């Protein structure tokens, strides 16, 4: 998580994403940015295996 926060500060990281929109989303949820980043990573980890499996199927 600390590495994501560090990368997030670099404007080249996820350059196509609006940091204003991300901050507004966190605010609407009543979360601080760190909480949003952490919950996003945890959510992505929860479905990582199924995403990888689907990508592997597409590659065949």
C-alpha atoms as a PDB file:
ATOM      1  CA  UNK A   1       0.000   0.000   0.000  1.00  0.00           C
ATOM      2  CA  UNK A   2       2.755   2.526   0.763  1.00  0.00           C
ATOM      3  CA  UNK A   3       4.217   1.940  -2.699  1.00  0.00           C
ATOM      4  CA  UNK A   4       0.839   2.677  -4.321  1.00  0.00           C
ATOM      5  CA  UNK A   5       0.539   5.906  -2.360  1.00  0.00           C
ATOM      6  CA  UNK A   6       4.041   6.889  -3.471  1.00  0.00           C
ATOM      7  CA  UNK A   7       3.290   6.047  -7.110  1.00  0.00           C
ATOM      8  CA  UNK A   8      -0.042   7.889  -6.923  1.00  0.00           C
ATOM      9  CA  UNK A   9       1.792  11.113  -6.113  1.00  0.00           C
ATOM     10  CA  UNK A  10       3.708  10.833  -9.406  1.00  0.00           C
ATOM     11  CA  UNK A  11       1.580  12.527 -12.085  1.00  0.00           C
ATOM     12  CA  UNK A  12       2.869  10.060 -14.708  1.00  0.00           C
ATOM     13  CA  UNK A  13       1.313   7.134 -12.806  1.00  0.00           C
ATOM     14  CA  UNK A  14      -2.208   6.502 -14.107  1.00  0.00           C
ATOM     15  CA  UNK A  15      -1.889   9.710 -16.090  1.00  0.00           C
ATOM     16  CA  UNK A  16      -5.260   9.148 -17.762  1.00  0.00           C
ATOM     17  CA  UNK A  17      -7.088   9.225 -14.427  1.00  0.00           C
ATOM     18  CA  UNK A  18      -8.393  12.406 -12.880  1.00  0.00           C
ATOM     19  CA  UNK A  19      -7.107  12.757  -9.345  1.00  0.00           C
ATOM     20  CA  UNK A  20      -9.900  15.275  -8.711  1.00  0.00           C
ATOM     21  CA  UNK A  21     -12.510  12.638  -9.582  1.00  0.00           C
ATOM     22  CA  UNK A  22     -10.763  10.076  -7.382  1.00  0.00           C
ATOM     23  CA  UNK A  23     -10.619  12.523  -4.464  1.00  0.00           C
ATOM     24  CA  UNK A  24     -14.284  13.440  -4.966  1.00  0.00           C
ATOM     25  CA  UNK A  25     -15.234   9.761  -4.986  1.00  0.00           C
ATOM     26  CA  UNK A  26     -13.405   9.157  -1.723  1.00  0.00           C
ATOM     27  CA  UNK A  27     -15.123  12.180  -0.210  1.00  0.00           C
ATOM     28  CA  UNK A  28     -18.571  11.006  -1.337  1.00  0.00           C
ATOM     29  CA  UNK A  29     -17.918   7.673   0.326  1.00  0.00           C
ATOM     30  CA  UNK A  30     -16.812   9.415   3.498  1.00  0.00           C
ATOM     31  CA  UNK A  31     -13.313   7.933   3.176  1.00  0.00           C
ATOM     32  CA  UNK A  32      -9.879   9.493   3.150  1.00  0.00           C
ATOM     33  CA  UNK A  33      -7.776   8.850   0.059  1.00  0.00           C
ATOM     34  CA  UNK A  34      -5.648   6.218   1.825  1.00  0.00           C
ATOM     35  CA  UNK A  35      -8.776   4.240   2.678  1.00  0.00           C
ATOM     36  CA  UNK A  36     -10.018   4.395  -0.902  1.00  0.00           C
ATOM     37  CA  UNK A  37      -6.678   3.166  -2.241  1.00  0.00           C
ATOM     38  CA  UNK A  38      -6.511   0.348   0.310  1.00  0.00           C
ATOM     39  CA  UNK A  39     -10.078  -0.821  -0.300  1.00  0.00           C
ATOM     40  CA  UNK A  40      -9.548  -0.690  -4.055  1.00  0.00           C
ATOM     41  CA  UNK A  41      -6.444  -2.870  -3.823  1.00  0.00           C
ATOM     42  CA  UNK A  42      -8.232  -5.358  -1.556  1.00  0.00           C
ATOM     43  CA  UNK A  43     -11.189  -5.529  -3.944  1.00  0.00           C
ATOM     44  CA  UNK A  44      -8.867  -6.120  -6.885  1.00  0.00           C
ATOM     45  CA  UNK A  45      -7.033  -8.872  -4.998  1.00  0.00           C
ATOM     46  CA  UNK A  46     -10.326 -10.618  -4.226  1.00  0.00           C
ATOM     47  CA  UNK A  47     -10.989 -11.246  -7.924  1.00  0.00           C
ATOM     48  CA  UNK A  48      -7.400 -11.542  -9.182  1.00  0.00           C
ATOM     49  CA  UNK A  49      -7.568 -15.298  -9.828  1.00  0.00           C
ATOM     50  CA  UNK A  50     -10.769 -15.117 -11.849  1.00  0.00           C
ATOM     51  CA  UNK A  51      -9.459 -12.199 -13.932  1.00  0.00           C
ATOM     52  CA  UNK A  52      -6.221 -14.040 -14.629  1.00  0.00           C
ATOM     53  CA  UNK A  53      -8.146 -17.167 -15.602  1.00  0.00           C
ATOM     54  CA  UNK A  54     -10.381 -15.200 -17.963  1.00  0.00           C
ATOM     55  CA  UNK A  55      -7.360 -13.557 -19.574  1.00  0.00           C
ATOM     56  CA  UNK A  56      -5.682 -16.928 -19.990  1.00  0.00           C
ATOM     57  CA  UNK A  57      -8.830 -18.258 -21.703  1.00  0.00           C
ATOM     58  CA  UNK A  58      -8.816 -15.309 -24.111  1.00  0.00           C
ATOM     59  CA  UNK A  59      -5.205 -16.026 -24.972  1.00  0.00           C
ATOM     60  CA  UNK A  60      -5.957 -19.596 -26.079  1.00  0.00           C
END
